[in-house]
Amino acid sequence: MTDTAAPHRPDPGGATAPPSSPRSPRATGHRTRIRVAVTAALLAALTAVLVHTLHSGDNQSAPGRLLAGYAVAWALFAAAVWTVRNIPARAATVLVLAGSAALALAGLTAQPRTSTDMYRYAWDGRVQAAGISPYAHPPAAPQLTRLRDDWLFPPPQDCKGWGITRTDDGLCVRINRPTVPTIYPPLAEGWYLAVHTLSPADSRHKPLQVGGAVLAFGTTLALLRVLRRRGDPRRAPARAALWAWCPAVALEAVNNAHIDTLGVLCVVLALGTATAGVRRGALLGAAIAVKILPVLALPGALSGQRGPARVLRVVAAVVGTVALAYLPYVAASGAGVLGYLPGYLHEEGYEPGRVHRFALLRLVLPDAAAGATAAVLLALIGLFVWWRGDPARPWRGALLLTGATLLLFSPSYPWYSLLVVALVAMDGRWEWLTVTLAGTVLYLGGRLLPGFPLQACAYGGAALVIATGAYLRSGRARRLVAPHGGNRSSRPGLGQLDR
């Protein structure tokens, strides 16, 4: 059978297109080596900038320098992700893993610079190793005097410096909120105990940071596996880089050792490696037992699952896992396992009488209505995700609900959005990373711009970028660009956002 060449057709402008010539393997290899070299150089620069930033000061003494360093780091991160897209998958995977390890090492080069939460982690691990429930007593309680040392409880003559406070009784302490019980759920407490047990004596903050580095790198490996199996293998490294190279991961997951990273890893495994059944529910329950925020991934985990039996299996596994995790601590402390959670919600401004959350809603609503409106909106989004979500991409609905929650509640803690960073890597909608940027700007910039409505501006800017990204991915935007062509998904709802 003889192939018949299609007749040549002139383009609409009357010009004849030159015949295409395939690139030679040598030219293609040369371009690939250049791209690999450029990406590696960008990663080296990103690592150096993060190391320099972490040694520039803390969030109290040098918030401006930290913000400037973060800005440069994010620019280098964006450039590196852009260049890695056109590198063959095998070479790109090596770069992603090498970059993830390098940035984790950068986070290990200094003690925590912007958060003192890790010191509470270390204390809770020490208390449990002594056979005492972490929910039983606050750090300043006299019952725990024998467990104190000069690192977490400096002597009076050394009671100065970043992160060190003095209680009303004159006790000098490095732990935040030393007069109230711990707030962390049971699997988080189990992690603190495990790190303490495996740590050398007098090792201080480094083991928890190393643990954060292990979790961050493990999440990179999990993302690569998920994206290869359930997505486009060619794009998997570039997607995974959105987590692996994100400056927020090096700073919050490693340097500040935030426990959120353990919950993030559990969510990635739940949504990416398990079907909508008991295993997915158990992994998601484990994430919730680390930090409550991953409960927002539950509607995504149930995307498109309308059968009562499947929904009940997942929900029962979630509830059962959380209950089992709490059981030993309830036996030891009873209702005290709630710790400081009620007080924390009041302190952080989530109660009607003391609102300083919901910044975007408060632009158009009175303070008293902001919280209720946010709850209604999130309930509607959750129902939409469950009913119309794509069961093949459960992370899409989880990203929508989690990101929307942070936009509406507008917290000032950037580590809350580590889950968003991982879900962005799974779904590819990079515009949601602006939620992390908004939290960072708010956390560090408040001292620089007192009186300025930074909360509304930061999260308002993030909402604008996200809305623009959603529009550009929509069918309407594509029709404006190419009104006579292009494939369109016939599936309504969330499926149209996969562009």
Protein backbone atom coordinates (compact mmCIF):
# COMPACT_ATOMS: atom_id res chain seq x y z
CA MET A 1 0.00 0.00 0.00
CA THR A 2 1.40 3.37 -1.04
CA ASP A 3 1.14 6.42 1.23
CA THR A 4 -0.43 9.39 -0.46
CA ALA A 5 0.86 12.79 0.56
CA ALA A 6 -1.76 15.37 1.43
CA PRO A 7 -1.93 18.26 -1.02
CA HIS A 8 -0.20 21.41 0.07
CA ARG A 9 -2.54 24.17 1.23
CA PRO A 10 -1.43 27.76 1.51
CA ASP A 11 -2.02 29.48 4.82
CA PRO A 12 -4.79 32.12 5.06
CA GLY A 13 -2.31 34.91 4.52
CA GLY A 14 -1.22 33.54 1.17
CA ALA A 15 2.31 32.62 2.29
CA THR A 16 3.60 29.12 1.93
CA ALA A 17 4.84 27.47 5.12
CA PRO A 18 8.39 26.17 4.81
CA PRO A 19 8.76 22.43 5.06
CA SER A 20 9.41 21.28 8.58
CA SER A 21 12.68 19.60 9.30
CA PRO A 22 13.10 17.36 12.31
CA ARG A 23 15.68 18.36 14.85
CA SER A 24 18.79 16.24 14.82
CA PRO A 25 19.43 14.10 17.91
CA ARG A 26 22.61 16.06 18.51
CA ALA A 27 20.74 19.40 18.55
CA THR A 28 18.03 17.98 20.81
CA GLY A 29 20.62 16.61 23.22
CA HIS A 30 22.43 19.94 23.26
CA ARG A 31 19.24 21.81 24.13
CA THR A 32 18.47 19.31 26.86
CA ARG A 33 21.91 19.72 28.42
CA ILE A 34 21.48 23.50 28.39
CA ARG A 35 18.10 23.24 30.10
CA VAL A 36 19.44 20.84 32.71
CA ALA A 37 22.38 23.17 33.40
CA VAL A 38 20.11 26.22 33.69
CA THR A 39 17.72 24.42 36.03
CA ALA A 40 20.58 23.15 38.18
CA ALA A 41 22.01 26.67 38.38
CA LEU A 42 18.64 28.06 39.43
CA LEU A 43 18.34 25.40 42.13
CA ALA A 44 21.83 26.15 43.38
CA ALA A 45 20.96 29.85 43.54
CA LEU A 46 17.68 29.06 45.31
CA THR A 47 19.50 26.95 47.90
CA ALA A 48 22.08 29.69 48.50
CA VAL A 49 19.38 32.36 48.87
CA LEU A 50 17.48 30.26 51.40
CA VAL A 51 20.64 29.65 53.46
CA HIS A 52 21.46 33.37 53.41
CA THR A 53 17.87 34.27 54.33
CA LEU A 54 17.83 31.91 57.28
CA HIS A 55 20.99 33.55 58.59
CA SER A 56 19.70 37.10 58.06
CA GLY A 57 17.72 37.26 61.29
CA ASP A 58 14.35 36.30 62.70
CA ASN A 59 10.81 37.53 62.16
CA GLN A 60 11.06 39.99 65.04
CA SER A 61 14.44 41.58 64.44
CA ALA A 62 14.64 41.42 60.64
CA PRO A 63 11.21 40.89 59.02
CA GLY A 64 12.17 43.11 56.07
CA ARG A 65 15.28 41.10 55.26
CA LEU A 66 13.33 37.88 55.54
CA LEU A 67 10.63 39.16 53.20
CA ALA A 68 13.22 40.28 50.67
CA GLY A 69 14.97 36.91 50.82
CA TYR A 70 11.67 35.07 50.43
CA ALA A 71 10.78 37.20 47.41
CA VAL A 72 14.04 36.31 45.66
CA ALA A 73 13.61 32.64 46.61
CA TRP A 74 10.10 32.52 45.16
CA ALA A 75 11.27 34.14 41.93
CA LEU A 76 14.04 31.54 41.56
CA PHE A 77 11.56 28.78 42.39
CA ALA A 78 9.18 29.95 39.65
CA ALA A 79 12.01 30.12 37.12
CA ALA A 80 13.27 26.63 38.00
CA VAL A 81 9.78 25.12 37.68
CA TRP A 82 9.38 26.84 34.32
CA THR A 83 12.64 25.47 32.92
CA VAL A 84 12.19 21.90 34.15
CA ARG A 85 8.99 21.46 32.14
CA ASN A 86 10.90 20.84 28.89
CA ILE A 87 13.47 18.43 30.31
CA PRO A 88 13.03 14.69 29.67
CA ALA A 89 11.31 12.90 32.53
CA ARG A 90 14.30 10.88 33.73
CA ALA A 91 16.65 13.85 33.97
CA ALA A 92 13.89 16.01 35.44
CA THR A 93 13.23 13.40 38.14
CA VAL A 94 16.89 13.47 39.16
CA LEU A 95 16.75 17.26 39.36
CA VAL A 96 13.56 17.18 41.43
CA LEU A 97 15.05 14.75 43.96
CA ALA A 98 18.40 16.54 44.10
CA GLY A 99 16.70 19.91 44.52
CA SER A 100 14.38 18.56 47.21
CA ALA A 101 17.37 17.22 49.17
CA ALA A 102 19.37 20.45 48.71
CA LEU A 103 16.53 22.65 49.93
CA ALA A 104 15.96 20.37 52.90
CA LEU A 105 19.63 20.69 53.82
CA ALA A 106 19.30 24.47 53.49
CA GLY A 107 16.50 24.38 56.06
CA LEU A 108 18.79 22.51 58.45
CA THR A 109 21.51 25.17 58.44
CA ALA A 110 19.92 27.36 61.12
CA GLN A 111 17.71 27.08 64.15
CA PRO A 112 14.02 28.03 63.64
CA ARG A 113 13.74 31.65 62.51
CA THR A 114 10.03 32.48 62.34
CA SER A 115 8.15 30.07 64.65
CA THR A 116 8.67 28.68 68.15
CA ASP A 117 6.19 25.81 67.75
CA MET A 118 9.02 23.30 67.49
CA TYR A 119 10.05 23.97 71.09
CA ARG A 120 6.63 22.82 72.26
CA TYR A 121 7.09 19.68 70.15
CA ALA A 122 10.38 18.95 71.90
CA TRP A 123 8.83 19.52 75.31
CA ASP A 124 5.81 17.30 74.61
CA GLY A 125 8.13 14.50 73.51
CA ARG A 126 10.17 14.85 76.70
CA VAL A 127 7.06 14.82 78.89
CA GLN A 128 5.73 11.64 77.25
CA ALA A 129 9.11 9.92 77.58
CA ALA A 130 8.79 10.54 81.34
CA GLY A 131 5.46 8.66 81.33
CA ILE A 132 3.25 11.75 81.65
CA SER A 133 0.39 12.69 79.35
CA PRO A 134 1.19 15.89 77.39
CA TYR A 135 -2.38 17.04 78.05
CA ALA A 136 -2.09 16.73 81.82
CA HIS A 137 -0.07 19.85 82.69
CA PRO A 138 1.16 23.03 80.99
CA PRO A 139 4.95 23.44 80.70
CA ALA A 140 5.04 25.96 83.56
CA ALA A 141 3.32 23.58 85.98
CA PRO A 142 5.38 22.77 89.10
CA GLN A 143 4.66 19.06 88.60
CA LEU A 144 7.06 19.11 85.62
CA THR A 145 9.93 21.03 87.24
CA ARG A 146 12.22 17.99 87.20
CA LEU A 147 12.02 17.82 83.38
CA ARG A 148 13.29 21.35 82.76
CA ASP A 149 16.72 22.18 81.37
CA ASP A 150 18.60 25.33 80.41
CA TRP A 151 17.69 24.98 76.73
CA LEU A 152 13.90 25.20 77.00
CA PHE A 153 13.98 27.01 80.36
CA PRO A 154 16.98 29.38 80.27
CA PRO A 155 18.32 30.71 83.59
CA PRO A 156 17.19 34.23 84.56
CA GLN A 157 20.46 35.85 83.46
CA ASP A 158 19.94 34.45 79.93
CA CYS A 159 16.26 35.34 79.65
CA LYS A 160 16.57 37.37 76.46
CA GLY A 161 16.60 36.83 72.75
CA TRP A 162 14.22 35.67 70.06
CA GLY A 163 11.45 33.31 71.14
CA ILE A 164 12.18 33.57 74.87
CA THR A 165 9.42 34.83 77.16
CA ARG A 166 8.86 35.22 80.89
CA THR A 167 5.70 34.05 82.63
CA ASP A 168 3.84 36.11 85.24
CA ASP A 169 5.57 34.00 87.88
CA GLY A 170 8.99 34.96 86.53
CA LEU A 171 9.75 31.65 84.81
CA CYS A 172 11.95 32.09 81.74
CA VAL A 173 10.87 29.78 78.92
CA ARG A 174 11.44 29.23 75.20
CA ILE A 175 8.09 27.46 74.69
CA ASN A 176 5.17 29.56 73.46
CA ARG A 177 2.03 29.67 75.61
CA PRO A 178 3.79 27.96 78.55
CA THR A 179 0.87 28.34 80.95
CA VAL A 180 -1.66 26.32 78.93
CA PRO A 181 -1.79 22.63 77.94
CA THR A 182 -0.76 21.42 74.52
CA ILE A 183 -3.12 21.73 71.56
CA TYR A 184 -1.80 19.00 69.27
CA PRO A 185 -3.75 15.83 68.33
CA PRO A 186 -2.50 12.35 69.30
CA LEU A 187 -0.57 11.26 66.21
CA ALA A 188 1.35 14.53 66.35
CA GLU A 189 2.17 13.72 69.96
CA GLY A 190 3.25 10.24 68.87
CA TRP A 191 5.66 11.80 66.37
CA TYR A 192 7.16 14.03 69.07
CA LEU A 193 7.69 11.01 71.31
CA ALA A 194 9.27 9.00 68.49
CA VAL A 195 11.69 11.80 67.60
CA HIS A 196 12.63 12.29 71.26
CA THR A 197 13.20 8.56 71.73
CA LEU A 198 15.47 8.32 68.68
CA SER A 199 17.42 11.51 69.43
CA PRO A 200 20.82 11.68 71.12
CA ALA A 201 20.91 13.35 74.52
CA ASP A 202 21.10 17.15 74.47
CA SER A 203 20.51 17.29 70.69
CA ARG A 204 18.02 20.15 71.06
CA HIS A 205 16.22 21.36 67.90
CA LYS A 206 18.11 19.45 65.21
CA PRO A 207 16.31 16.05 65.42
CA LEU A 208 12.91 17.63 64.84
CA GLN A 209 14.29 19.53 61.86
CA VAL A 210 15.80 16.34 60.47
CA GLY A 211 12.44 14.67 60.97
CA GLY A 212 10.81 17.50 59.01
CA ALA A 213 13.36 17.04 56.23
CA VAL A 214 12.60 13.32 56.06
CA LEU A 215 8.87 14.00 55.85
CA ALA A 216 9.31 16.68 53.19
CA PHE A 217 11.52 14.45 51.04
CA GLY A 218 9.18 11.52 51.60
CA THR A 219 6.30 13.64 50.33
CA THR A 220 8.33 14.40 47.20
CA LEU A 221 8.79 10.67 46.61
CA ALA A 222 5.08 10.03 47.20
CA LEU A 223 4.11 12.77 44.75
CA LEU A 224 6.39 11.38 42.06
CA ARG A 225 4.84 7.95 42.50
CA VAL A 226 1.27 9.26 42.46
CA LEU A 227 1.79 11.52 39.46
CA ARG A 228 3.42 8.74 37.44
CA ARG A 229 0.68 6.24 38.17
CA ARG A 230 -2.36 8.50 38.00
CA GLY A 231 -1.32 11.32 35.73
CA ASP A 232 0.94 12.09 32.81
CA PRO A 233 4.37 10.53 33.51
CA ARG A 234 6.06 13.17 31.36
CA ARG A 235 4.68 15.96 33.50
CA ALA A 236 5.13 14.20 36.84
CA PRO A 237 8.55 15.72 37.71
CA ALA A 238 7.47 19.29 36.94
CA ARG A 239 4.35 18.82 39.06
CA ALA A 240 6.30 17.28 41.94
CA ALA A 241 8.74 20.22 41.78
CA LEU A 242 5.91 22.51 42.89
CA TRP A 243 6.26 20.86 46.31
CA ALA A 244 9.89 19.75 46.25
CA TRP A 245 11.34 23.16 45.42
CA CYS A 246 8.78 25.43 47.08
CA PRO A 247 10.54 27.78 49.52
CA ALA A 248 7.67 27.35 51.99
CA VAL A 249 8.56 23.67 52.35
CA ALA A 250 12.21 24.35 53.22
CA LEU A 251 11.24 27.10 55.64
CA GLU A 252 8.13 25.72 57.32
CA ALA A 253 8.45 21.94 56.99
CA VAL A 254 12.20 21.74 57.67
CA ASN A 255 13.57 24.85 59.37
CA ASN A 256 10.52 25.39 61.59
CA ALA A 257 9.80 21.61 61.62
CA HIS A 258 6.03 22.12 61.55
CA ILE A 259 4.11 18.94 62.21
CA ASP A 260 1.72 19.80 59.37
CA THR A 261 4.11 17.97 57.02
CA LEU A 262 3.24 14.59 58.52
CA GLY A 263 -0.43 15.26 57.87
CA VAL A 264 0.37 16.39 54.32
CA LEU A 265 2.17 13.11 53.60
CA CYS A 266 -0.82 11.14 54.88
CA VAL A 267 -3.20 13.14 52.65
CA VAL A 268 -1.03 12.59 49.56
CA LEU A 269 -1.01 8.85 50.24
CA ALA A 270 -4.75 8.83 50.95
CA LEU A 271 -5.77 10.62 47.77
CA GLY A 272 -3.06 9.32 45.47
CA THR A 273 -2.43 5.68 46.35
CA ALA A 274 -5.75 4.45 47.74
CA THR A 275 -9.23 4.09 46.30
CA ALA A 276 -12.34 5.38 48.02
CA GLY A 277 -12.47 2.70 50.70
CA VAL A 278 -11.19 1.78 54.12
CA ARG A 279 -7.53 2.39 53.30
CA ARG A 280 -8.19 5.92 52.05
CA GLY A 281 -10.32 6.64 55.09
CA ALA A 282 -7.66 5.30 57.47
CA LEU A 283 -4.90 7.41 55.89
CA LEU A 284 -7.09 10.50 55.93
CA GLY A 285 -8.03 9.80 59.55
CA ALA A 286 -4.33 9.59 60.38
CA ALA A 287 -3.80 13.00 58.78
CA ILE A 288 -6.64 14.48 60.85
CA ALA A 289 -5.13 12.92 63.98
CA VAL A 290 -1.95 14.87 63.20
CA LYS A 291 -3.58 18.25 62.57
CA ILE A 292 -7.28 18.98 62.21
CA LEU A 293 -6.98 20.93 58.94
CA PRO A 294 -6.82 17.81 56.66
CA VAL A 295 -10.49 17.17 57.46
CA LEU A 296 -11.06 19.58 54.57
CA ALA A 297 -9.79 16.87 52.21
CA LEU A 298 -12.68 14.54 53.13
CA PRO A 299 -15.16 15.83 50.50
CA GLY A 300 -12.40 15.51 47.90
CA ALA A 301 -11.75 11.95 49.04
CA LEU A 302 -15.44 11.25 48.42
CA SER A 303 -15.56 12.97 45.02
CA GLY A 304 -18.26 11.41 42.86
CA GLN A 305 -18.91 8.64 45.42
CA ARG A 306 -22.69 8.77 45.74
CA GLY A 307 -23.24 5.19 46.87
CA PRO A 308 -24.06 5.12 50.61
CA ALA A 309 -21.91 2.02 51.23
CA ARG A 310 -18.73 3.59 49.82
CA VAL A 311 -19.29 6.87 51.63
CA LEU A 312 -19.90 5.07 54.91
CA ARG A 313 -16.76 2.96 54.53
CA VAL A 314 -14.57 6.01 54.07
CA VAL A 315 -16.21 8.05 56.83
CA ALA A 316 -16.22 5.11 59.25
CA ALA A 317 -12.52 4.50 58.60
CA VAL A 318 -11.76 8.18 59.20
CA VAL A 319 -13.70 8.30 62.47
CA GLY A 320 -12.36 4.94 63.63
CA THR A 321 -8.73 5.91 63.00
CA VAL A 322 -9.09 9.22 64.84
CA ALA A 323 -10.84 7.49 67.75
CA LEU A 324 -8.16 4.81 68.02
CA ALA A 325 -5.43 7.45 67.99
CA TYR A 326 -7.11 9.37 70.81
CA LEU A 327 -7.97 6.31 72.92
CA PRO A 328 -4.75 5.98 74.96
CA TYR A 329 -4.64 9.71 75.64
CA VAL A 330 -8.31 9.81 76.65
CA ALA A 331 -7.60 6.97 79.07
CA ALA A 332 -4.81 9.06 80.61
CA SER A 333 -6.32 12.56 80.51
CA GLY A 334 -10.05 12.28 79.86
CA ALA A 335 -11.63 15.38 78.35
CA GLY A 336 -8.31 17.14 78.80
CA VAL A 337 -7.20 15.82 75.41
CA LEU A 338 -8.80 18.90 73.86
CA GLY A 339 -5.95 20.83 75.44
CA TYR A 340 -5.86 24.51 74.60
CA LEU A 341 -8.02 24.20 71.45
CA PRO A 342 -11.03 26.24 72.75
CA GLY A 343 -8.74 28.97 74.04
CA TYR A 344 -6.77 28.96 70.80
CA LEU A 345 -9.89 29.55 68.70
CA HIS A 346 -10.76 32.55 70.85
CA GLU A 347 -7.20 33.85 70.83
CA GLU A 348 -6.93 33.62 67.04
CA GLY A 349 -10.14 35.57 66.46
CA TYR A 350 -12.56 32.93 65.23
CA GLU A 351 -15.30 33.79 67.71
CA PRO A 352 -17.96 36.43 66.90
CA GLY A 353 -16.97 38.73 69.73
CA ARG A 354 -13.32 38.98 68.71
CA VAL A 355 -13.16 38.69 64.94
CA HIS A 356 -9.93 39.41 63.12
CA ARG A 357 -10.29 36.69 60.53
CA PHE A 358 -12.48 36.54 57.41
CA ALA A 359 -10.74 39.59 55.95
CA LEU A 360 -12.30 39.33 52.48
CA LEU A 361 -15.82 38.76 53.76
CA ARG A 362 -15.53 41.65 56.20
CA LEU A 363 -14.99 43.98 53.27
CA VAL A 364 -18.66 43.53 52.37
CA LEU A 365 -20.26 42.09 55.53
CA PRO A 366 -20.45 43.10 59.20
CA ASP A 367 -18.14 41.22 61.54
CA ALA A 368 -21.02 39.35 63.17
CA ALA A 369 -22.06 37.80 59.85
CA ALA A 370 -18.61 36.94 58.50
CA GLY A 371 -18.11 33.66 60.36
CA ALA A 372 -21.57 32.29 59.58
CA THR A 373 -21.25 33.27 55.92
CA ALA A 374 -17.87 31.56 55.65
CA ALA A 375 -19.34 28.38 57.16
CA VAL A 376 -22.24 28.38 54.68
CA LEU A 377 -19.95 28.98 51.69
CA LEU A 378 -17.59 26.21 52.70
CA ALA A 379 -20.48 23.80 53.26
CA LEU A 380 -21.75 24.53 49.74
CA ILE A 381 -18.28 24.07 48.26
CA GLY A 382 -17.89 20.80 50.15
CA LEU A 383 -21.22 19.50 48.83
CA PHE A 384 -20.27 20.53 45.29
CA VAL A 385 -16.91 18.78 45.56
CA TRP A 386 -18.53 15.59 46.84
CA TRP A 387 -21.41 15.54 44.35
CA ARG A 388 -19.72 16.83 41.20
CA GLY A 389 -16.06 16.11 41.84
CA ASP A 390 -13.92 13.90 39.65
CA PRO A 391 -13.34 10.52 41.38
CA ALA A 392 -10.20 10.03 39.27
CA ARG A 393 -8.75 13.27 40.66
CA PRO A 394 -9.87 13.52 44.31
CA TRP A 395 -7.08 16.01 45.04
CA ARG A 396 -8.83 18.58 42.82
CA GLY A 397 -11.79 18.96 45.12
CA ALA A 398 -9.54 18.81 48.17
CA LEU A 399 -7.51 21.71 46.78
CA LEU A 400 -10.62 23.74 46.04
CA LEU A 401 -12.08 23.35 49.52
CA THR A 402 -8.80 23.71 51.43
CA GLY A 403 -7.68 26.73 49.41
CA ALA A 404 -11.09 28.39 49.69
CA THR A 405 -11.04 27.85 53.46
CA LEU A 406 -7.71 29.64 53.81
CA LEU A 407 -8.91 32.47 51.56
CA LEU A 408 -12.06 32.95 53.63
CA PHE A 409 -10.45 32.54 57.05
CA SER A 410 -7.28 34.46 56.02
CA PRO A 411 -4.86 33.11 58.67
CA SER A 412 -1.51 34.73 59.28
CA TYR A 413 0.40 31.45 59.54
CA PRO A 414 1.96 30.32 56.23
CA TRP A 415 2.54 26.75 57.45
CA TYR A 416 -1.23 26.18 57.40
CA SER A 417 -0.97 26.15 53.61
CA LEU A 418 1.60 23.34 53.33
CA LEU A 419 -1.34 21.09 52.48
CA VAL A 420 -2.29 23.46 49.67
CA VAL A 421 1.25 23.28 48.26
CA ALA A 422 1.08 19.46 48.06
CA LEU A 423 -2.39 19.52 46.49
CA VAL A 424 -1.17 22.08 43.95
CA ALA A 425 1.60 19.66 43.01
CA MET A 426 -0.95 16.90 42.50
CA ASP A 427 -3.33 19.04 40.44
CA GLY A 428 -0.99 21.48 38.70
CA ARG A 429 -3.01 24.63 39.38
CA TRP A 430 -0.04 26.72 40.46
CA GLU A 431 -2.12 29.86 41.08
CA TRP A 432 -3.23 28.46 44.44
CA LEU A 433 0.35 28.87 45.69
CA THR A 434 -0.52 32.55 46.15
CA VAL A 435 -2.41 31.48 49.29
CA THR A 436 0.94 30.48 50.79
CA LEU A 437 2.48 33.76 49.67
CA ALA A 438 -0.39 35.70 51.23
CA GLY A 439 0.13 34.01 54.60
CA THR A 440 3.88 34.68 54.48
CA VAL A 441 3.43 38.35 53.59
CA LEU A 442 0.87 38.77 56.35
CA TYR A 443 2.99 36.95 58.94
CA LEU A 444 6.16 38.95 58.28
CA GLY A 445 4.80 42.21 56.90
CA GLY A 446 2.52 43.13 59.78
CA ARG A 447 5.43 44.60 61.74
CA LEU A 448 6.54 46.65 58.75
CA LEU A 449 3.15 48.15 57.89
CA PRO A 450 1.23 48.79 61.12
CA GLY A 451 -2.26 50.05 60.43
CA PHE A 452 -2.21 49.01 56.77
CA PRO A 453 -5.03 46.57 55.76
CA LEU A 454 -2.44 43.95 54.83
CA GLN A 455 -4.67 40.98 55.58
CA ALA A 456 -7.33 41.98 53.05
CA CYS A 457 -4.76 43.08 50.46
CA ALA A 458 -2.67 39.91 50.69
CA TYR A 459 -5.57 37.49 50.48
CA GLY A 460 -7.45 39.71 48.06
CA GLY A 461 -4.46 39.59 45.71
CA ALA A 462 -4.35 35.80 46.06
CA ALA A 463 -8.08 35.55 45.29
CA LEU A 464 -7.61 37.71 42.19
CA VAL A 465 -4.77 35.52 40.87
CA ILE A 466 -6.77 32.35 41.56
CA ALA A 467 -9.86 33.72 39.82
CA THR A 468 -7.75 34.76 36.83
CA GLY A 469 -6.20 31.29 36.65
CA ALA A 470 -9.63 29.64 36.78
CA TYR A 471 -10.86 31.87 33.97
CA LEU A 472 -7.85 31.18 31.77
CA ARG A 473 -8.40 27.45 32.22
CA SER A 474 -12.09 27.71 31.41
CA GLY A 475 -13.69 26.85 28.08
CA ARG A 476 -14.80 30.44 27.56
CA ALA A 477 -11.25 31.76 27.71
CA ARG A 478 -10.08 29.15 25.21
CA ARG A 479 -12.90 30.02 22.82
CA LEU A 480 -11.84 33.65 22.88
CA VAL A 481 -8.32 32.62 21.90
CA ALA A 482 -9.25 29.92 19.38
CA PRO A 483 -12.96 30.26 18.53
CA HIS A 484 -12.92 27.53 15.83
CA GLY A 485 -10.84 24.79 17.43
CA GLY A 486 -9.68 23.00 20.50
CA ASN A 487 -11.08 20.07 22.36
CA ARG A 488 -13.45 20.69 25.21
CA SER A 489 -14.32 18.40 28.03
CA SER A 490 -17.98 17.46 28.03
CA ARG A 491 -17.89 16.80 31.75
CA PRO A 492 -19.31 19.71 33.78
CA GLY A 493 -18.09 20.93 37.11
CA LEU A 494 -14.56 20.37 38.36
CA GLY A 495 -13.48 18.40 35.30
CA GLN A 496 -13.34 21.58 33.25
CA LEU A 497 -10.56 22.96 35.44
CA ASP A 498 -7.99 20.41 34.33
CA ARG A 499 -6.27 22.70 31.84
